[in-house]
């Protein structure tokens, strides 16, 4: 990993996002850091349909929204949400993962 990389997974590790983030430029408002495999999901909070899921590299998520660096220290099994880009991240332990 690069010296300044903040996430616990390498930049080229797969992460989950949504079609809406990639194709409609909707903002990333929800971040999950899964406890089982330490993977990450960066979603828009407008869909939970499997067919809207997309796989990207972790570094691509940061390229889409550099402010995601603010939640790079999110522990596995936790999630963070916000109301808008630039809004305060609300962190809490996830009950779903």
Protein backbone atom coordinates (compact mmCIF):
# COMPACT_ATOMS: atom_id res chain seq x y z
CA UNK A 1 0.00 0.00 0.00
CA UNK A 2 1.08 3.56 -0.52
CA UNK A 3 2.54 5.43 2.40
CA UNK A 4 -0.31 7.94 2.67
CA UNK A 5 -3.15 5.46 2.09
CA UNK A 6 -5.67 5.74 4.95
CA UNK A 7 -7.96 2.72 4.44
CA UNK A 8 -7.26 -0.71 5.92
CA UNK A 9 -7.57 -2.34 2.49
CA UNK A 10 -5.29 -1.73 -0.51
CA UNK A 11 -6.29 0.86 -3.13
CA UNK A 12 -6.96 -1.86 -5.72
CA UNK A 13 -9.28 -3.92 -3.51
CA UNK A 14 -12.89 -4.25 -4.65
CA UNK A 15 -15.55 -2.08 -3.03
CA UNK A 16 -19.28 -1.81 -3.60
CA UNK A 17 -21.16 1.21 -4.88
CA UNK A 18 -24.34 1.75 -6.87
CA UNK A 19 -25.27 2.41 -10.45
CA UNK A 20 -26.75 5.69 -9.27
CA UNK A 21 -23.41 6.89 -7.90
CA UNK A 22 -21.55 5.93 -11.07
CA UNK A 23 -24.06 6.77 -13.78
CA UNK A 24 -26.20 9.51 -12.24
CA UNK A 25 -23.53 11.14 -10.07
CA UNK A 26 -25.64 10.81 -6.92
CA UNK A 27 -23.64 11.61 -3.78
CA UNK A 28 -22.21 8.92 -1.51
CA UNK A 29 -24.17 9.31 1.72
CA UNK A 30 -23.71 5.89 3.32
CA UNK A 31 -20.52 3.95 4.04
CA UNK A 32 -20.36 0.40 5.38
CA UNK A 33 -17.19 -1.26 6.63
CA UNK A 34 -18.16 -4.90 6.90
CA UNK A 35 -16.97 -6.93 9.87
CA UNK A 36 -16.77 -10.30 8.14
CA UNK A 37 -14.15 -9.49 5.49
CA UNK A 38 -13.33 -5.82 6.18
CA UNK A 39 -14.69 -4.83 2.76
CA UNK A 40 -16.27 -1.46 2.07
CA UNK A 41 -19.47 -0.16 0.46
CA UNK A 42 -20.05 3.45 -0.63
CA UNK A 43 -23.67 4.01 -1.54
CA UNK A 44 -26.16 6.77 -2.26
CA UNK A 45 -28.89 5.54 0.12
CA UNK A 46 -31.50 5.59 -2.66
CA UNK A 47 -31.53 1.87 -3.46
CA UNK A 48 -30.90 -1.51 -1.92
CA UNK A 49 -31.64 -3.48 -5.10
CA UNK A 50 -28.95 -6.00 -5.99
CA UNK A 51 -29.17 -5.08 -9.66
CA UNK A 52 -28.06 -1.53 -8.81
CA UNK A 53 -24.84 -2.76 -7.19
CA UNK A 54 -21.52 -2.11 -8.90
CA UNK A 55 -17.97 -3.15 -8.06
CA UNK A 56 -15.17 -0.58 -8.15
CA UNK A 57 -11.70 -0.27 -6.70
CA UNK A 58 -11.45 1.34 -3.27
CA UNK A 59 -9.29 4.09 -4.75
CA UNK A 60 -12.05 4.81 -7.31
CA UNK A 61 -14.46 5.59 -4.49
CA UNK A 62 -12.00 8.11 -3.13
CA UNK A 63 -11.65 9.56 -6.62
CA UNK A 64 -15.42 10.00 -6.85
CA UNK A 65 -15.54 11.71 -3.46
CA UNK A 66 -12.24 12.65 -1.76
CA UNK A 67 -14.14 13.49 1.46
CA UNK A 68 -14.48 9.73 2.03
CA UNK A 69 -11.02 9.97 3.58
CA UNK A 70 -12.86 11.30 6.65
CA UNK A 71 -14.28 7.82 7.31
CA UNK A 72 -11.18 5.79 6.37
CA UNK A 73 -10.71 4.99 10.07
CA UNK A 74 -14.23 3.54 10.40
CA UNK A 75 -13.86 0.24 12.31
CA UNK A 76 -15.05 -3.01 10.75
CA UNK A 77 -18.69 -3.60 11.66
CA UNK A 78 -19.50 0.11 11.62
CA UNK A 79 -21.27 2.41 9.21
CA UNK A 80 -21.37 6.13 8.62
CA UNK A 81 -24.13 8.27 7.13
CA UNK A 82 -24.57 11.91 6.22
CA UNK A 83 -27.32 14.02 4.69
CA UNK A 84 -25.24 15.69 1.96
CA UNK A 85 -21.67 15.97 0.69
CA UNK A 86 -19.78 18.07 3.18
CA UNK A 87 -22.22 17.17 5.94
CA UNK A 88 -21.19 15.70 9.26
CA UNK A 89 -20.66 11.91 9.19
CA UNK A 90 -22.71 10.10 11.82
CA UNK A 91 -20.92 6.92 12.85
CA UNK A 92 -22.44 3.94 14.60
CA UNK A 93 -22.00 0.24 14.97
CA UNK A 94 -24.00 -1.56 12.32
CA UNK A 95 -26.76 -3.92 13.35
CA UNK A 96 -26.98 -5.43 9.86
CA UNK A 97 -23.41 -6.66 9.36
